[in-house]
Amino acid sequence: MDLKDQLKNLFPDHEPENEPKEEPKHDLWLQKDPILCKYEKRKGKPITILEGYTGADSDFKKLAKTLKTQLSVGGSFKNDQIIIQGDYRDQIMQLLQDMGFNVKRVGG
């Protein structure tokens, strides 16, 4: 007996909703040049730095917020760079490629 059958037994009058979840659309400007993804240590702690975005600052801030929420980490946006706390290069590169960006890994 799987979970759906158990729930049906508990709630016989309930009609499940079969609405497909829509993927959030990213209205960010996609550029031809790759975004550079770097790894550094500052004060002994690892950070990931993204730079090289040539679009508007507001789009870059939205991208920073999206990355931080999807990775559940802290970070900031300063001097045309996104700084993410921790070494998340692989995950960030995969997320950006899924959004349609070109990404280049720099160093290490």
N, C-alpha and C. Protein backbone atom coordinates (compact mmCIF):
# COMPACT_ATOMS: atom_id res chain seq x y z
N MET A 1 0.85 -1.16 0.00
CA MET A 1 0.00 0.00 0.00
C MET A 1 0.90 1.24 0.00
N ASP A 2 0.78 2.04 -1.02
CA ASP A 2 1.65 3.22 -1.11
C ASP A 2 0.98 4.42 -0.43
N LEU A 3 1.67 5.54 -0.47
CA LEU A 3 1.22 6.73 0.24
C LEU A 3 -0.10 7.27 -0.30
N LYS A 4 -0.30 7.22 -1.62
CA LYS A 4 -1.56 7.72 -2.20
C LYS A 4 -2.76 6.91 -1.70
N ASP A 5 -2.59 5.60 -1.62
CA ASP A 5 -3.68 4.75 -1.13
C ASP A 5 -3.97 5.02 0.35
N GLN A 6 -2.93 5.23 1.12
CA GLN A 6 -3.12 5.53 2.54
C GLN A 6 -3.85 6.85 2.73
N LEU A 7 -3.46 7.85 1.93
CA LEU A 7 -4.14 9.14 2.03
C LEU A 7 -5.60 9.05 1.57
N LYS A 8 -5.84 8.23 0.55
CA LYS A 8 -7.22 8.05 0.08
C LYS A 8 -8.09 7.40 1.15
N ASN A 9 -7.50 6.47 1.91
CA ASN A 9 -8.24 5.84 2.99
C ASN A 9 -8.54 6.83 4.11
N LEU A 10 -7.59 7.70 4.39
CA LEU A 10 -7.80 8.68 5.46
C LEU A 10 -8.75 9.79 5.05
N PHE A 11 -8.66 10.24 3.79
CA PHE A 11 -9.47 11.34 3.28
C PHE A 11 -10.18 10.91 2.00
N PRO A 12 -11.29 10.19 2.11
CA PRO A 12 -11.96 9.67 0.90
C PRO A 12 -12.59 10.75 0.02
N ASP A 13 -12.93 11.90 0.58
CA ASP A 13 -13.60 12.94 -0.20
C ASP A 13 -12.63 13.88 -0.90
N HIS A 14 -11.35 13.76 -0.61
CA HIS A 14 -10.36 14.69 -1.16
C HIS A 14 -10.07 14.38 -2.64
N GLU A 15 -10.10 15.42 -3.44
CA GLU A 15 -9.74 15.31 -4.86
C GLU A 15 -8.34 15.92 -5.04
N PRO A 16 -7.34 15.13 -5.43
CA PRO A 16 -5.99 15.70 -5.60
C PRO A 16 -5.93 16.62 -6.81
N GLU A 17 -5.14 17.68 -6.65
CA GLU A 17 -4.97 18.63 -7.74
C GLU A 17 -3.81 18.16 -8.61
N ASN A 18 -4.03 18.10 -9.90
CA ASN A 18 -3.00 17.64 -10.83
C ASN A 18 -2.52 18.78 -11.70
N GLU A 19 -2.17 19.90 -11.07
CA GLU A 19 -1.67 21.04 -11.83
C GLU A 19 -0.16 20.91 -11.95
N PRO A 20 0.37 20.96 -13.16
CA PRO A 20 1.82 20.90 -13.29
C PRO A 20 2.47 22.17 -12.77
N LYS A 21 3.58 22.00 -12.09
CA LYS A 21 4.29 23.16 -11.57
C LYS A 21 5.06 23.81 -12.70
N GLU A 22 4.95 25.13 -12.78
CA GLU A 22 5.64 25.86 -13.82
C GLU A 22 7.03 26.23 -13.34
N GLU A 23 7.99 26.07 -14.22
CA GLU A 23 9.35 26.49 -13.92
C GLU A 23 9.39 28.01 -13.88
N PRO A 24 10.10 28.59 -12.91
CA PRO A 24 10.20 30.05 -12.90
C PRO A 24 11.00 30.51 -14.11
N LYS A 25 10.45 31.47 -14.83
CA LYS A 25 11.12 31.98 -16.01
C LYS A 25 12.08 33.07 -15.59
N HIS A 26 13.27 32.99 -16.13
CA HIS A 26 14.29 33.98 -15.81
C HIS A 26 14.31 35.00 -16.94
N ASP A 27 13.99 36.22 -16.60
CA ASP A 27 13.96 37.28 -17.61
C ASP A 27 15.27 38.06 -17.60
N LEU A 28 16.37 37.35 -17.38
CA LEU A 28 17.67 37.97 -17.33
C LEU A 28 18.26 38.05 -18.74
N TRP A 29 19.09 39.05 -18.95
CA TRP A 29 19.73 39.22 -20.23
C TRP A 29 20.86 38.20 -20.35
N LEU A 30 20.85 37.39 -21.41
CA LEU A 30 21.88 36.40 -21.63
C LEU A 30 22.95 36.98 -22.54
N GLN A 31 24.19 36.80 -22.16
CA GLN A 31 25.28 37.37 -22.93
C GLN A 31 26.05 36.27 -23.64
N LYS A 32 26.83 36.66 -24.65
CA LYS A 32 27.64 35.70 -25.39
C LYS A 32 28.93 35.36 -24.63
N ASP A 33 29.52 36.36 -23.97
CA ASP A 33 30.76 36.13 -23.23
C ASP A 33 30.46 35.30 -21.99
N PRO A 34 31.37 34.42 -21.59
CA PRO A 34 31.11 33.59 -20.41
C PRO A 34 31.24 34.38 -19.12
N ILE A 35 30.49 33.94 -18.13
CA ILE A 35 30.62 34.45 -16.77
C ILE A 35 31.75 33.68 -16.12
N LEU A 36 32.67 34.37 -15.47
CA LEU A 36 33.82 33.73 -14.86
C LEU A 36 33.48 33.28 -13.44
N CYS A 37 33.80 32.05 -13.13
CA CYS A 37 33.52 31.46 -11.82
C CYS A 37 34.85 31.14 -11.16
N LYS A 38 35.19 31.88 -10.08
CA LYS A 38 36.48 31.72 -9.42
C LYS A 38 36.30 31.23 -7.99
N TYR A 39 37.37 30.64 -7.48
CA TYR A 39 37.40 30.17 -6.10
C TYR A 39 38.54 30.88 -5.39
N GLU A 40 38.29 31.40 -4.21
CA GLU A 40 39.31 32.06 -3.41
C GLU A 40 39.10 31.70 -1.95
N LYS A 41 40.13 31.99 -1.17
CA LYS A 41 40.00 31.90 0.29
C LYS A 41 40.27 33.28 0.85
N ARG A 42 39.35 33.75 1.65
CA ARG A 42 39.51 35.03 2.32
C ARG A 42 39.36 34.79 3.81
N LYS A 43 40.37 35.21 4.54
CA LYS A 43 40.41 35.01 5.99
C LYS A 43 40.23 33.53 6.35
N GLY A 44 40.79 32.66 5.51
CA GLY A 44 40.75 31.23 5.76
C GLY A 44 39.46 30.53 5.38
N LYS A 45 38.49 31.28 4.83
CA LYS A 45 37.21 30.68 4.48
C LYS A 45 37.03 30.68 2.96
N PRO A 46 36.49 29.59 2.40
CA PRO A 46 36.33 29.51 0.94
C PRO A 46 35.15 30.36 0.47
N ILE A 47 35.34 31.01 -0.68
CA ILE A 47 34.26 31.75 -1.33
C ILE A 47 34.31 31.49 -2.82
N THR A 48 33.17 31.65 -3.46
CA THR A 48 33.06 31.53 -4.90
C THR A 48 32.70 32.91 -5.44
N ILE A 49 33.42 33.36 -6.47
CA ILE A 49 33.20 34.68 -7.04
C ILE A 49 32.76 34.54 -8.49
N LEU A 50 31.69 35.24 -8.84
CA LEU A 50 31.20 35.29 -10.22
C LEU A 50 31.38 36.71 -10.73
N GLU A 51 31.98 36.84 -11.90
CA GLU A 51 32.16 38.17 -12.48
C GLU A 51 32.14 38.04 -14.00
N GLY A 52 32.01 39.18 -14.65
CA GLY A 52 32.03 39.20 -16.10
C GLY A 52 30.66 39.36 -16.74
N TYR A 53 29.63 39.67 -15.95
CA TYR A 53 28.29 39.88 -16.50
C TYR A 53 28.22 41.30 -17.04
N THR A 54 27.78 41.43 -18.29
CA THR A 54 27.76 42.74 -18.93
C THR A 54 26.37 43.35 -19.00
N GLY A 55 25.38 42.71 -18.39
CA GLY A 55 24.02 43.25 -18.39
C GLY A 55 23.84 44.31 -17.32
N ALA A 56 22.61 44.63 -17.05
CA ALA A 56 22.28 45.65 -16.04
C ALA A 56 22.58 45.13 -14.64
N ASP A 57 22.90 46.06 -13.74
CA ASP A 57 23.18 45.69 -12.35
C ASP A 57 21.97 45.04 -11.69
N SER A 58 20.78 45.50 -12.04
CA SER A 58 19.58 44.93 -11.43
C SER A 58 19.42 43.46 -11.82
N ASP A 59 19.76 43.12 -13.06
CA ASP A 59 19.70 41.72 -13.48
C ASP A 59 20.73 40.88 -12.74
N PHE A 60 21.92 41.44 -12.54
CA PHE A 60 22.98 40.72 -11.84
C PHE A 60 22.58 40.51 -10.39
N LYS A 61 21.90 41.49 -9.78
CA LYS A 61 21.42 41.33 -8.40
C LYS A 61 20.35 40.25 -8.32
N LYS A 62 19.46 40.20 -9.32
CA LYS A 62 18.44 39.15 -9.34
C LYS A 62 19.09 37.78 -9.46
N LEU A 63 20.13 37.70 -10.29
CA LEU A 63 20.85 36.44 -10.45
C LEU A 63 21.51 36.03 -9.14
N ALA A 64 22.08 36.99 -8.42
CA ALA A 64 22.70 36.70 -7.13
C ALA A 64 21.67 36.17 -6.14
N LYS A 65 20.52 36.80 -6.10
CA LYS A 65 19.47 36.36 -5.18
C LYS A 65 18.98 34.96 -5.54
N THR A 66 18.82 34.69 -6.83
CA THR A 66 18.39 33.37 -7.28
C THR A 66 19.40 32.30 -6.87
N LEU A 67 20.67 32.55 -7.09
CA LEU A 67 21.70 31.58 -6.74
C LEU A 67 21.75 31.34 -5.24
N LYS A 68 21.67 32.42 -4.46
CA LYS A 68 21.74 32.27 -3.01
C LYS A 68 20.56 31.48 -2.47
N THR A 69 19.37 31.71 -3.01
CA THR A 69 18.20 30.99 -2.50
C THR A 69 18.22 29.53 -2.94
N GLN A 70 18.66 29.26 -4.17
CA GLN A 70 18.68 27.87 -4.63
C GLN A 70 19.75 27.05 -3.93
N LEU A 71 20.85 27.68 -3.55
CA LEU A 71 21.91 26.97 -2.85
C LEU A 71 21.77 27.05 -1.34
N SER A 72 20.89 27.89 -0.85
CA SER A 72 20.67 28.10 0.59
C SER A 72 21.96 28.52 1.29
N VAL A 73 22.62 29.51 0.72
CA VAL A 73 23.86 30.02 1.30
C VAL A 73 23.81 31.53 1.35
N GLY A 74 24.77 32.11 2.05
CA GLY A 74 24.87 33.56 2.11
C GLY A 74 25.78 34.07 1.02
N GLY A 75 25.74 35.35 0.83
CA GLY A 75 26.58 35.97 -0.18
C GLY A 75 26.25 37.43 -0.31
N SER A 76 26.92 38.08 -1.26
CA SER A 76 26.68 39.50 -1.47
C SER A 76 26.96 39.87 -2.91
N PHE A 77 26.60 41.11 -3.25
CA PHE A 77 26.85 41.66 -4.57
C PHE A 77 27.62 42.96 -4.37
N LYS A 78 28.90 42.97 -4.78
CA LYS A 78 29.73 44.16 -4.63
C LYS A 78 30.63 44.30 -5.85
N ASN A 79 30.87 45.53 -6.26
CA ASN A 79 31.84 45.83 -7.31
C ASN A 79 31.66 44.95 -8.56
N ASP A 80 30.43 44.80 -9.01
CA ASP A 80 30.11 43.98 -10.18
C ASP A 80 30.57 42.54 -10.02
N GLN A 81 30.50 42.02 -8.81
CA GLN A 81 30.83 40.63 -8.52
C GLN A 81 29.76 40.05 -7.61
N ILE A 82 29.48 38.76 -7.81
CA ILE A 82 28.64 38.02 -6.87
C ILE A 82 29.59 37.19 -6.03
N ILE A 83 29.50 37.35 -4.72
CA ILE A 83 30.36 36.61 -3.80
C ILE A 83 29.46 35.64 -3.02
N ILE A 84 29.70 34.35 -3.18
CA ILE A 84 28.93 33.30 -2.52
C ILE A 84 29.81 32.66 -1.47
N GLN A 85 29.29 32.47 -0.26
CA GLN A 85 30.06 31.86 0.82
C GLN A 85 30.15 30.36 0.59
N GLY A 86 31.36 29.85 0.49
CA GLY A 86 31.59 28.42 0.31
C GLY A 86 32.04 28.10 -1.10
N ASP A 87 32.49 26.87 -1.29
CA ASP A 87 32.96 26.41 -2.60
C ASP A 87 31.81 25.69 -3.30
N TYR A 88 31.06 26.42 -4.10
CA TYR A 88 29.91 25.88 -4.82
C TYR A 88 30.08 26.03 -6.32
N ARG A 89 31.31 25.93 -6.81
CA ARG A 89 31.57 26.17 -8.23
C ARG A 89 30.78 25.22 -9.13
N ASP A 90 30.79 23.94 -8.82
CA ASP A 90 30.13 22.97 -9.68
C ASP A 90 28.62 23.21 -9.73
N GLN A 91 27.99 23.42 -8.56
CA GLN A 91 26.56 23.64 -8.51
C GLN A 91 26.17 24.95 -9.21
N ILE A 92 26.97 26.01 -8.99
CA ILE A 92 26.68 27.30 -9.60
C ILE A 92 26.81 27.21 -11.11
N MET A 93 27.86 26.54 -11.56
CA MET A 93 28.05 26.41 -13.01
C MET A 93 26.90 25.63 -13.64
N GLN A 94 26.42 24.59 -12.97
CA GLN A 94 25.31 23.82 -13.50
C GLN A 94 24.03 24.65 -13.53
N LEU A 95 23.76 25.40 -12.46
CA LEU A 95 22.57 26.26 -12.42
C LEU A 95 22.61 27.32 -13.52
N LEU A 96 23.77 27.95 -13.71
CA LEU A 96 23.88 28.98 -14.74
C LEU A 96 23.74 28.39 -16.14
N GLN A 97 24.28 27.21 -16.36
CA GLN A 97 24.14 26.57 -17.67
C GLN A 97 22.68 26.19 -17.92
N ASP A 98 21.98 25.77 -16.88
CA ASP A 98 20.55 25.46 -17.04
C ASP A 98 19.74 26.71 -17.38
N MET A 99 20.20 27.88 -16.90
CA MET A 99 19.53 29.15 -17.22
C MET A 99 19.88 29.64 -18.61
N GLY A 100 20.93 29.09 -19.21
CA GLY A 100 21.31 29.49 -20.56
C GLY A 100 22.56 30.32 -20.67
N PHE A 101 23.28 30.49 -19.56
CA PHE A 101 24.51 31.28 -19.57
C PHE A 101 25.69 30.40 -19.99
N ASN A 102 26.72 31.05 -20.56
CA ASN A 102 28.00 30.41 -20.76
C ASN A 102 28.82 30.68 -19.52
N VAL A 103 29.48 29.64 -18.99
CA VAL A 103 30.24 29.78 -17.77
C VAL A 103 31.64 29.24 -17.99
N LYS A 104 32.61 29.93 -17.46
CA LYS A 104 34.00 29.50 -17.58
C LYS A 104 34.59 29.39 -16.18
N ARG A 105 35.20 28.26 -15.90
CA ARG A 105 35.82 28.03 -14.60
C ARG A 105 37.25 28.58 -14.64
N VAL A 106 37.59 29.42 -13.68
CA VAL A 106 38.90 30.04 -13.64
C VAL A 106 39.63 29.54 -12.40
N GLY A 107 40.83 29.01 -12.58
CA GLY A 107 41.64 28.54 -11.46
C GLY A 107 41.13 27.22 -10.92
N GLY A 108 42.03 26.44 -10.39
CA GLY A 108 41.73 25.17 -9.73
C GLY A 108 40.84 24.29 -10.47
